[in-house]
């Protein structure tokens, strides 16, 4: 299973420096086709995307992307509660839950 990244050249640069080799550079005009290409790669298990870039997608496509389990889409820079819900849905456990909840 590979980790991949979709986003602007500036966004993917940090991931490249961290050693992520599978990057898909996209902009507003080609974002839908690029994320589709990344999601169709059977070896990609986790796909990191800039949270604000998801606004480039039509609502129905955005819903399909966010509901994906293979690969798991991880929006970076978004609300922490979004990530909490994604983790809970994918692995079935609320890792953020405290004893008070």
N, C-alpha and C. Protein backbone atom coordinates (compact mmCIF):
# COMPACT_ATOMS: atom_id res chain seq x y z
N UNK A 1 0.84 -1.17 0.00
CA UNK A 1 0.00 0.00 0.00
C UNK A 1 0.89 1.24 0.00
N UNK A 2 0.54 2.18 -0.88
CA UNK A 2 1.32 3.40 -1.01
C UNK A 2 0.53 4.59 -0.49
N UNK A 3 1.26 5.61 -0.10
CA UNK A 3 0.68 6.89 0.24
C UNK A 3 0.95 7.82 -0.93
N UNK A 4 -0.09 8.51 -1.38
CA UNK A 4 0.05 9.44 -2.49
C UNK A 4 -0.54 10.79 -2.09
N UNK A 5 -0.22 11.81 -2.88
CA UNK A 5 -0.66 13.17 -2.60
C UNK A 5 -1.17 13.80 -3.90
N UNK A 6 -2.28 14.54 -3.78
CA UNK A 6 -2.82 15.30 -4.91
C UNK A 6 -2.90 16.76 -4.50
N UNK A 7 -2.38 17.64 -5.33
CA UNK A 7 -2.48 19.06 -5.03
C UNK A 7 -1.58 19.90 -5.91
N UNK A 8 -1.50 21.15 -5.56
CA UNK A 8 -0.65 22.08 -6.31
C UNK A 8 0.82 21.72 -6.12
N UNK A 9 1.64 22.28 -6.96
CA UNK A 9 3.08 22.03 -6.86
C UNK A 9 3.60 22.42 -5.48
N UNK A 10 3.11 23.51 -4.93
CA UNK A 10 3.54 23.96 -3.61
C UNK A 10 3.08 22.98 -2.52
N UNK A 11 1.87 22.47 -2.66
CA UNK A 11 1.32 21.55 -1.65
C UNK A 11 2.10 20.23 -1.64
N UNK A 12 2.38 19.68 -2.80
CA UNK A 12 3.04 18.37 -2.85
C UNK A 12 4.53 18.45 -2.53
N UNK A 13 5.11 19.63 -2.61
CA UNK A 13 6.55 19.78 -2.35
C UNK A 13 6.94 19.28 -0.97
N UNK A 14 6.19 19.65 0.06
CA UNK A 14 6.50 19.20 1.42
C UNK A 14 6.44 17.69 1.55
N UNK A 15 5.49 17.08 0.88
CA UNK A 15 5.38 15.62 0.92
C UNK A 15 6.54 14.96 0.19
N UNK A 16 6.96 15.57 -0.91
CA UNK A 16 8.13 15.05 -1.62
C UNK A 16 9.36 15.09 -0.72
N UNK A 17 9.53 16.20 0.00
CA UNK A 17 10.67 16.33 0.90
C UNK A 17 10.61 15.31 2.03
N UNK A 18 9.40 14.89 2.39
CA UNK A 18 9.23 13.88 3.44
C UNK A 18 9.40 12.46 2.90
N UNK A 19 9.61 12.33 1.59
CA UNK A 19 9.87 11.02 1.02
C UNK A 19 8.71 10.38 0.27
N UNK A 20 7.59 11.08 0.15
CA UNK A 20 6.46 10.55 -0.62
C UNK A 20 6.80 10.69 -2.10
N UNK A 21 6.82 9.60 -2.81
CA UNK A 21 7.20 9.62 -4.22
C UNK A 21 6.00 9.71 -5.17
N UNK A 22 4.85 9.27 -4.70
CA UNK A 22 3.66 9.24 -5.55
C UNK A 22 2.88 10.54 -5.37
N UNK A 23 3.17 11.51 -6.23
CA UNK A 23 2.49 12.79 -6.16
C UNK A 23 1.80 13.06 -7.50
N UNK A 24 0.65 13.67 -7.40
CA UNK A 24 -0.13 14.04 -8.57
C UNK A 24 -0.36 15.54 -8.49
N UNK A 25 0.28 16.29 -9.36
CA UNK A 25 0.16 17.74 -9.36
C UNK A 25 -1.12 18.10 -10.10
N UNK A 26 -1.94 18.93 -9.46
CA UNK A 26 -3.23 19.33 -10.04
C UNK A 26 -3.49 20.79 -9.78
N UNK A 27 -4.34 21.36 -10.61
CA UNK A 27 -4.81 22.72 -10.40
C UNK A 27 -6.33 22.72 -10.56
N UNK A 28 -6.93 23.88 -10.46
CA UNK A 28 -8.39 23.96 -10.50
C UNK A 28 -8.97 23.37 -11.79
N UNK A 29 -8.31 23.58 -12.91
CA UNK A 29 -8.86 23.14 -14.19
C UNK A 29 -8.77 21.63 -14.42
N UNK A 30 -7.80 20.95 -13.81
CA UNK A 30 -7.68 19.50 -14.05
C UNK A 30 -7.82 18.66 -12.79
N UNK A 31 -8.29 19.26 -11.71
CA UNK A 31 -8.32 18.57 -10.42
C UNK A 31 -9.17 17.30 -10.45
N UNK A 32 -10.34 17.36 -11.08
CA UNK A 32 -11.22 16.20 -11.09
C UNK A 32 -10.58 15.01 -11.81
N UNK A 33 -9.96 15.24 -12.94
CA UNK A 33 -9.35 14.13 -13.67
C UNK A 33 -8.12 13.59 -12.94
N UNK A 34 -7.34 14.47 -12.32
CA UNK A 34 -6.14 14.04 -11.61
C UNK A 34 -6.50 13.23 -10.37
N UNK A 35 -7.49 13.67 -9.61
CA UNK A 35 -7.86 12.90 -8.41
C UNK A 35 -8.47 11.56 -8.82
N UNK A 36 -9.19 11.55 -9.95
CA UNK A 36 -9.72 10.28 -10.46
C UNK A 36 -8.61 9.31 -10.84
N UNK A 37 -7.57 9.84 -11.46
CA UNK A 37 -6.40 9.02 -11.82
C UNK A 37 -5.73 8.47 -10.56
N UNK A 38 -5.55 9.31 -9.57
CA UNK A 38 -4.90 8.87 -8.32
C UNK A 38 -5.74 7.82 -7.62
N UNK A 39 -7.05 8.00 -7.59
CA UNK A 39 -7.92 7.04 -6.91
C UNK A 39 -8.01 5.72 -7.65
N UNK A 40 -7.75 5.72 -8.94
CA UNK A 40 -7.84 4.47 -9.71
C UNK A 40 -6.57 3.62 -9.61
N UNK A 41 -5.51 4.17 -9.03
CA UNK A 41 -4.28 3.40 -8.82
C UNK A 41 -4.51 2.41 -7.68
N UNK A 42 -4.54 1.13 -7.99
CA UNK A 42 -4.86 0.09 -7.02
C UNK A 42 -3.84 0.00 -5.89
N UNK A 43 -2.64 0.51 -6.10
CA UNK A 43 -1.61 0.43 -5.07
C UNK A 43 -1.70 1.55 -4.04
N UNK A 44 -2.48 2.59 -4.33
CA UNK A 44 -2.61 3.73 -3.41
C UNK A 44 -3.64 3.37 -2.33
N UNK A 45 -3.21 3.40 -1.08
CA UNK A 45 -4.10 3.10 0.04
C UNK A 45 -4.54 4.35 0.78
N UNK A 46 -3.67 5.37 0.79
CA UNK A 46 -3.98 6.63 1.45
C UNK A 46 -3.66 7.75 0.47
N UNK A 47 -4.63 8.64 0.30
CA UNK A 47 -4.46 9.75 -0.63
C UNK A 47 -4.67 11.06 0.14
N UNK A 48 -3.60 11.81 0.31
CA UNK A 48 -3.67 13.11 1.00
C UNK A 48 -3.99 14.19 -0.01
N UNK A 49 -4.94 15.05 0.35
CA UNK A 49 -5.34 16.16 -0.51
C UNK A 49 -5.46 17.41 0.35
N UNK A 50 -5.28 18.56 -0.27
CA UNK A 50 -5.52 19.82 0.44
C UNK A 50 -7.02 19.97 0.60
N UNK A 51 -7.48 20.22 1.81
CA UNK A 51 -8.91 20.30 2.09
C UNK A 51 -9.60 21.33 1.22
N UNK A 52 -8.99 22.48 1.01
CA UNK A 52 -9.64 23.52 0.21
C UNK A 52 -9.72 23.16 -1.27
N UNK A 53 -8.85 22.27 -1.74
CA UNK A 53 -8.89 21.86 -3.15
C UNK A 53 -10.12 21.01 -3.47
N UNK A 54 -10.71 20.40 -2.46
CA UNK A 54 -11.91 19.60 -2.70
C UNK A 54 -13.06 20.46 -3.20
N UNK A 55 -12.98 21.77 -3.00
CA UNK A 55 -14.00 22.68 -3.51
C UNK A 55 -13.98 22.79 -5.03
N UNK A 56 -12.91 22.30 -5.67
CA UNK A 56 -12.84 22.29 -7.13
C UNK A 56 -13.75 21.23 -7.73
N UNK A 57 -14.19 20.29 -6.90
CA UNK A 57 -15.01 19.18 -7.38
C UNK A 57 -16.50 19.50 -7.28
N UNK A 58 -17.29 19.00 -8.24
CA UNK A 58 -18.75 19.12 -8.09
C UNK A 58 -19.19 18.35 -6.84
N UNK A 59 -20.30 18.75 -6.25
CA UNK A 59 -20.76 18.16 -4.99
C UNK A 59 -20.88 16.64 -5.05
N UNK A 60 -21.44 16.10 -6.13
CA UNK A 60 -21.62 14.64 -6.21
C UNK A 60 -20.29 13.91 -6.28
N UNK A 61 -19.32 14.48 -6.97
CA UNK A 61 -17.99 13.87 -7.05
C UNK A 61 -17.28 14.00 -5.71
N UNK A 62 -17.42 15.16 -5.06
CA UNK A 62 -16.80 15.37 -3.75
C UNK A 62 -17.33 14.36 -2.73
N UNK A 63 -18.62 14.09 -2.76
CA UNK A 63 -19.21 13.11 -1.85
C UNK A 63 -18.64 11.73 -2.09
N UNK A 64 -18.50 11.35 -3.36
CA UNK A 64 -17.94 10.03 -3.71
C UNK A 64 -16.49 9.93 -3.25
N UNK A 65 -15.73 11.00 -3.44
CA UNK A 65 -14.33 11.02 -3.03
C UNK A 65 -14.22 10.88 -1.51
N UNK A 66 -15.00 11.65 -0.78
CA UNK A 66 -14.91 11.63 0.68
C UNK A 66 -15.43 10.33 1.29
N UNK A 67 -16.30 9.62 0.58
CA UNK A 67 -16.81 8.34 1.08
C UNK A 67 -15.92 7.16 0.69
N UNK A 68 -14.87 7.42 -0.06
CA UNK A 68 -13.99 6.35 -0.52
C UNK A 68 -13.28 5.68 0.66
N UNK A 69 -13.23 4.38 0.59
CA UNK A 69 -12.49 3.62 1.59
C UNK A 69 -11.20 3.07 0.99
N UNK A 70 -11.18 2.85 -0.30
CA UNK A 70 -9.98 2.39 -0.99
C UNK A 70 -9.77 3.23 -2.22
N UNK A 71 -8.92 4.22 -2.18
CA UNK A 71 -8.06 4.63 -1.08
C UNK A 71 -8.82 5.51 -0.08
N UNK A 72 -8.25 5.62 1.09
CA UNK A 72 -8.78 6.54 2.11
C UNK A 72 -8.29 7.93 1.74
N UNK A 73 -9.22 8.86 1.64
CA UNK A 73 -8.87 10.24 1.32
C UNK A 73 -8.70 11.00 2.63
N UNK A 74 -7.55 11.64 2.80
CA UNK A 74 -7.26 12.39 4.02
C UNK A 74 -7.08 13.86 3.65
N UNK A 75 -8.10 14.68 3.94
CA UNK A 75 -7.95 16.11 3.68
C UNK A 75 -6.98 16.73 4.69
N UNK A 76 -6.02 17.46 4.21
CA UNK A 76 -5.02 18.10 5.05
C UNK A 76 -5.35 19.57 5.15
N UNK A 77 -5.39 20.08 6.38
CA UNK A 77 -5.65 21.49 6.59
C UNK A 77 -7.11 21.79 6.84
N UNK A 78 -7.92 20.77 7.01
CA UNK A 78 -9.34 20.99 7.27
C UNK A 78 -9.65 20.93 8.74
N UNK A 79 -10.91 20.84 9.05
CA UNK A 79 -11.39 20.77 10.42
C UNK A 79 -11.01 19.42 11.03
N UNK A 80 -10.54 19.42 12.27
CA UNK A 80 -10.13 18.18 12.94
C UNK A 80 -11.29 17.20 13.08
N UNK A 81 -12.51 17.70 13.23
CA UNK A 81 -13.66 16.80 13.37
C UNK A 81 -13.88 16.00 12.11
N UNK A 82 -13.53 16.56 10.93
CA UNK A 82 -13.64 15.80 9.68
C UNK A 82 -12.71 14.59 9.72
N UNK A 83 -11.48 14.81 10.14
CA UNK A 83 -10.52 13.72 10.22
C UNK A 83 -10.98 12.68 11.24
N UNK A 84 -11.51 13.14 12.35
CA UNK A 84 -12.00 12.21 13.38
C UNK A 84 -13.08 11.30 12.81
N UNK A 85 -14.02 11.86 12.07
CA UNK A 85 -15.09 11.06 11.48
C UNK A 85 -14.55 10.10 10.42
N UNK A 86 -13.57 10.53 9.63
CA UNK A 86 -12.98 9.66 8.60
C UNK A 86 -12.30 8.46 9.25
N UNK A 87 -11.50 8.71 10.29
CA UNK A 87 -10.80 7.62 10.97
C UNK A 87 -11.81 6.66 11.58
N UNK A 88 -12.83 7.19 12.21
CA UNK A 88 -13.84 6.35 12.85
C UNK A 88 -14.56 5.49 11.82
N UNK A 89 -14.90 6.06 10.68
CA UNK A 89 -15.61 5.31 9.66
C UNK A 89 -14.73 4.22 9.04
N UNK A 90 -13.46 4.53 8.80
CA UNK A 90 -12.57 3.59 8.12
C UNK A 90 -12.17 2.43 9.02
N UNK A 91 -11.76 2.72 10.27
CA UNK A 91 -11.28 1.63 11.12
C UNK A 91 -12.30 1.17 12.14
N UNK A 92 -13.40 1.91 12.27
CA UNK A 92 -14.47 1.48 13.16
C UNK A 92 -14.26 1.80 14.63
N UNK A 93 -13.25 2.61 14.92
CA UNK A 93 -12.94 2.96 16.30
C UNK A 93 -12.71 4.46 16.38
N UNK A 94 -13.26 5.08 17.41
CA UNK A 94 -13.04 6.51 17.63
C UNK A 94 -11.77 6.68 18.45
N UNK A 95 -10.67 6.95 17.75
CA UNK A 95 -9.36 7.09 18.42
C UNK A 95 -9.28 8.33 19.29
N UNK A 96 -10.14 9.31 19.04
CA UNK A 96 -10.11 10.57 19.77
C UNK A 96 -10.99 10.54 21.01
N UNK A 97 -11.72 9.48 21.21
CA UNK A 97 -12.68 9.42 22.31
C UNK A 97 -11.95 9.43 23.65
N UNK A 98 -12.47 10.23 24.57
CA UNK A 98 -11.90 10.28 25.90
C UNK A 98 -12.83 9.53 26.87
N UNK A 99 -12.38 9.33 28.08
CA UNK A 99 -13.21 8.64 29.06
C UNK A 99 -14.44 9.44 29.41
N UNK A 100 -14.39 10.75 29.24
CA UNK A 100 -15.52 11.61 29.58
C UNK A 100 -16.66 11.51 28.57
N UNK A 101 -16.38 11.04 27.37
CA UNK A 101 -17.40 10.96 26.33
C UNK A 101 -18.18 9.66 26.41
